[in-house]
């Protein structure tokens, strides 16, 4: 049972870290998209 609890804690920690990574990737993608749109609006004219 002790091993099960440790494994569960480790998994929850990994899930939290994975969520943080996904949030960082999503925010980075949005920033990149905004930069591309702004750049295109300036260079397109």
PDB file of N, CA and C in Angstrom:
ATOM      1  N   UNK A   1       0.822  -1.206   0.000  1.00  0.00           N
ATOM      2  CA  UNK A   1       0.000   0.000   0.000  1.00  0.00           C
ATOM      3  C   UNK A   1       0.858   1.258   0.000  1.00  0.00           C
ATOM      4  N   UNK A   2       1.968   1.217   0.714  1.00  0.00           N
ATOM      5  CA  UNK A   2       2.842   2.383   0.773  1.00  0.00           C
ATOM      6  C   UNK A   2       3.349   2.786  -0.599  1.00  0.00           C
ATOM      7  N   UNK A   3       3.662   1.788  -1.414  1.00  0.00           N
ATOM      8  CA  UNK A   3       4.156   2.084  -2.759  1.00  0.00           C
ATOM      9  C   UNK A   3       3.055   2.719  -3.610  1.00  0.00           C
ATOM     10  N   UNK A   4       1.832   2.266  -3.416  1.00  0.00           N
ATOM     11  CA  UNK A   4       0.710   2.824  -4.172  1.00  0.00           C
ATOM     12  C   UNK A   4       0.531   4.305  -3.878  1.00  0.00           C
ATOM     13  N   UNK A   5       0.609   4.672  -2.616  1.00  0.00           N
ATOM     14  CA  UNK A   5       0.415   6.071  -2.223  1.00  0.00           C
ATOM     15  C   UNK A   5       1.531   6.934  -2.810  1.00  0.00           C
ATOM     16  N   UNK A   6       2.779   6.469  -2.723  1.00  0.00           N
ATOM     17  CA  UNK A   6       3.887   7.230  -3.300  1.00  0.00           C
ATOM     18  C   UNK A   6       3.682   7.417  -4.797  1.00  0.00           C
ATOM     19  N   UNK A   7       3.274   6.358  -5.475  1.00  0.00           N
ATOM     20  CA  UNK A   7       3.046   6.440  -6.910  1.00  0.00           C
ATOM     21  C   UNK A   7       1.953   7.428  -7.249  1.00  0.00           C
ATOM     22  N   UNK A   8       0.913   7.449  -6.440  1.00  0.00           N
ATOM     23  CA  UNK A   8      -0.192   8.378  -6.669  1.00  0.00           C
ATOM     24  C   UNK A   8       0.270   9.814  -6.474  1.00  0.00           C
ATOM     25  N   UNK A   9       1.047  10.067  -5.453  1.00  0.00           N
ATOM     26  CA  UNK A   9       1.549  11.420  -5.222  1.00  0.00           C
ATOM     27  C   UNK A   9       2.434  11.847  -6.390  1.00  0.00           C
ATOM     28  N   UNK A  10       3.269  10.957  -6.827  1.00  0.00           N
ATOM     29  CA  UNK A  10       4.160  11.271  -7.937  1.00  0.00           C
ATOM     30  C   UNK A  10       3.347  11.590  -9.196  1.00  0.00           C
ATOM     31  N   UNK A  11       2.300  10.826  -9.417  1.00  0.00           N
ATOM     32  CA  UNK A  11       1.463  11.046 -10.591  1.00  0.00           C
ATOM     33  C   UNK A  11       0.769  12.403 -10.508  1.00  0.00           C
ATOM     34  N   UNK A  12       0.255  12.761  -9.338  1.00  0.00           N
ATOM     35  CA  UNK A  12      -0.407  14.064  -9.185  1.00  0.00           C
ATOM     36  C   UNK A  12       0.586  15.195  -9.426  1.00  0.00           C
ATOM     37  N   UNK A  13       1.809  15.013  -8.936  1.00  0.00           N
ATOM     38  CA  UNK A  13       2.828  16.033  -9.154  1.00  0.00           C
ATOM     39  C   UNK A  13       3.120  16.167 -10.635  1.00  0.00           C
ATOM     40  N   UNK A  14       3.223  15.046 -11.320  1.00  0.00           N
ATOM     41  CA  UNK A  14       3.474  15.081 -12.758  1.00  0.00           C
ATOM     42  C   UNK A  14       2.310  15.729 -13.502  1.00  0.00           C
ATOM     43  N   UNK A  15       1.085  15.451 -13.066  1.00  0.00           N
ATOM     44  CA  UNK A  15      -0.083  16.050 -13.719  1.00  0.00           C
ATOM     45  C   UNK A  15      -0.068  17.562 -13.563  1.00  0.00           C
ATOM     46  N   UNK A  16       0.279  18.053 -12.370  1.00  0.00           N
ATOM     47  CA  UNK A  16       0.345  19.501 -12.151  1.00  0.00           C
ATOM     48  C   UNK A  16       1.403  20.118 -13.051  1.00  0.00           C
ATOM     49  N   UNK A  17       2.554  19.461 -13.144  1.00  0.00           N
ATOM     50  CA  UNK A  17       3.626  19.976 -13.983  1.00  0.00           C
ATOM     51  C   UNK A  17       3.202  19.970 -15.446  1.00  0.00           C
ATOM     52  N   UNK A  18       2.524  18.924 -15.874  1.00  0.00           N
ATOM     53  CA  UNK A  18       2.062  18.841 -17.259  1.00  0.00           C
ATOM     54  C   UNK A  18       1.052  19.948 -17.552  1.00  0.00           C
ATOM     55  N   UNK A  19       0.180  20.244 -16.594  1.00  0.00           N
ATOM     56  CA  UNK A  19      -0.794  21.318 -16.791  1.00  0.00           C
ATOM     57  C   UNK A  19      -0.084  22.660 -16.927  1.00  0.00           C
ATOM     58  N   UNK A  20       0.946  22.877 -16.111  1.00  0.00           N
ATOM     59  CA  UNK A  20       1.700  24.134 -16.204  1.00  0.00           C
ATOM     60  C   UNK A  20       2.348  24.259 -17.571  1.00  0.00           C
ATOM     61  N   UNK A  21       2.915  23.163 -18.060  1.00  0.00           N
ATOM     62  CA  UNK A  21       3.562  23.184 -19.376  1.00  0.00           C
ATOM     63  C   UNK A  21       2.535  23.488 -20.459  1.00  0.00           C
ATOM     64  N   UNK A  22       1.367  22.876 -20.374  1.00  0.00           N
ATOM     65  CA  UNK A  22       0.324  23.124 -21.376  1.00  0.00           C
ATOM     66  C   UNK A  22      -0.131  24.576 -21.354  1.00  0.00           C
ATOM     67  N   UNK A  23      -0.263  25.156 -20.164  1.00  0.00           N
ATOM     68  CA  UNK A  23      -0.661  26.558 -20.054  1.00  0.00           C
ATOM     69  C   UNK A  23       0.409  27.452 -20.665  1.00  0.00           C
ATOM     70  N   UNK A  24       1.678  27.159 -20.381  1.00  0.00           N
ATOM     71  CA  UNK A  24       2.766  27.958 -20.936  1.00  0.00           C
ATOM     72  C   UNK A  24       2.764  27.864 -22.458  1.00  0.00           C
ATOM     73  N   UNK A  25       2.558  26.674 -22.988  1.00  0.00           N
ATOM     74  CA  UNK A  25       2.530  26.496 -24.448  1.00  0.00           C
ATOM     75  C   UNK A  25       1.360  27.262 -25.054  1.00  0.00           C
ATOM     76  N   UNK A  26       0.198  27.198 -24.419  1.00  0.00           N
ATOM     77  CA  UNK A  26      -0.981  27.892 -24.943  1.00  0.00           C
ATOM     78  C   UNK A  26      -0.773  29.402 -24.934  1.00  0.00           C
ATOM     79  N   UNK A  27      -0.238  29.923 -23.843  1.00  0.00           N
ATOM     80  CA  UNK A  27       0.004  31.371 -23.751  1.00  0.00           C
ATOM     81  C   UNK A  27       1.038  31.793 -24.785  1.00  0.00           C
ATOM     82  N   UNK A  28       2.084  31.003 -24.949  1.00  0.00           N
ATOM     83  CA  UNK A  28       3.112  31.316 -25.946  1.00  0.00           C
ATOM     84  C   UNK A  28       2.513  31.320 -27.349  1.00  0.00           C
ATOM     85  N   UNK A  29       1.644  30.369 -27.633  1.00  0.00           N
ATOM     86  CA  UNK A  29       1.017  30.306 -28.949  1.00  0.00           C
ATOM     87  C   UNK A  29       0.135  31.535 -29.193  1.00  0.00           C
ATOM     88  N   UNK A  30      -0.597  31.966 -28.183  1.00  0.00           N
ATOM     89  CA  UNK A  30      -1.440  33.154 -28.335  1.00  0.00           C
ATOM     90  C   UNK A  30      -0.599  34.402 -28.560  1.00  0.00           C
ATOM     91  N   UNK A  31       0.495  34.534 -27.817  1.00  0.00           N
ATOM     92  CA  UNK A  31       1.372  35.691 -27.990  1.00  0.00           C
ATOM     93  C   UNK A  31       1.971  35.693 -29.398  1.00  0.00           C
ATOM     94  N   UNK A  32       2.407  34.518 -29.850  1.00  0.00           N
ATOM     95  CA  UNK A  32       2.969  34.417 -31.197  1.00  0.00           C
ATOM     96  C   UNK A  32       1.924  34.779 -32.250  1.00  0.00           C
ATOM     97  N   UNK A  33       0.703  34.316 -32.061  1.00  0.00           N
ATOM     98  CA  UNK A  33      -0.375  34.636 -32.997  1.00  0.00           C
ATOM     99  C   UNK A  33      -0.630  36.143 -33.044  1.00  0.00           C
ATOM    100  N   UNK A  34      -0.676  36.772 -31.869  1.00  0.00           N
ATOM    101  CA  UNK A  34      -0.890  38.224 -31.831  1.00  0.00           C
ATOM    102  C   UNK A  34       0.255  38.962 -32.513  1.00  0.00           C
ATOM    103  N   UNK A  35       1.483  38.519 -32.267  1.00  0.00           N
ATOM    104  CA  UNK A  35       2.631  39.167 -32.903  1.00  0.00           C
ATOM    105  C   UNK A  35       2.564  39.023 -34.421  1.00  0.00           C
ATOM    106  N   UNK A  36       2.145  37.844 -34.886  1.00  0.00           N
ATOM    107  CA  UNK A  36       2.027  37.631 -36.333  1.00  0.00           C
ATOM    108  C   UNK A  36       0.947  38.534 -36.929  1.00  0.00           C
ATOM    109  N   UNK A  37      -0.181  38.648 -36.245  1.00  0.00           N
ATOM    110  CA  UNK A  37      -1.262  39.500 -36.758  1.00  0.00           C
ATOM    111  C   UNK A  37      -0.843  40.957 -36.796  1.00  0.00           C
ATOM    112  N   UNK A  38      -0.173  41.415 -35.747  1.00  0.00           N
ATOM    113  CA  UNK A  38       0.282  42.811 -35.702  1.00  0.00           C
ATOM    114  C   UNK A  38       1.324  43.047 -36.784  1.00  0.00           C
ATOM    115  N   UNK A  39       2.271  42.130 -36.917  1.00  0.00           N
ATOM    116  CA  UNK A  39       3.287  42.261 -37.946  1.00  0.00           C
ATOM    117  C   UNK A  39       2.689  42.271 -39.346  1.00  0.00           C
ATOM    118  N   UNK A  40       1.724  41.411 -39.577  1.00  0.00           N
ATOM    119  CA  UNK A  40       1.097  41.348 -40.896  1.00  0.00           C
ATOM    120  C   UNK A  40       0.328  42.638 -41.191  1.00  0.00           C
ATOM    121  N   UNK A  41      -0.300  43.206 -40.158  1.00  0.00           N
ATOM    122  CA  UNK A  41      -1.062  44.433 -40.394  1.00  0.00           C
ATOM    123  C   UNK A  41      -0.143  45.595 -40.731  1.00  0.00           C
ATOM    124  N   UNK A  42       1.057  45.611 -40.151  1.00  0.00           N
ATOM    125  CA  UNK A  42       1.997  46.688 -40.484  1.00  0.00           C
ATOM    126  C   UNK A  42       2.669  46.441 -41.838  1.00  0.00           C
ATOM    127  N   UNK A  43       3.085  45.211 -42.099  1.00  0.00           N
ATOM    128  CA  UNK A  43       3.806  44.917 -43.328  1.00  0.00           C
ATOM    129  C   UNK A  43       2.868  44.737 -44.526  1.00  0.00           C
ATOM    130  N   UNK A  44       1.626  44.401 -44.266  1.00  0.00           N
ATOM    131  CA  UNK A  44       0.676  44.190 -45.350  1.00  0.00           C
ATOM    132  C   UNK A  44       0.280  45.452 -46.062  1.00  0.00           C
ATOM    133  N   UNK A  45       0.380  46.579 -45.396  1.00  0.00           N
ATOM    134  CA  UNK A  45      -0.012  47.850 -46.007  1.00  0.00           C
ATOM    135  C   UNK A  45       1.167  48.395 -46.724  1.00  0.00           C
TER     136      UNK A  45
END
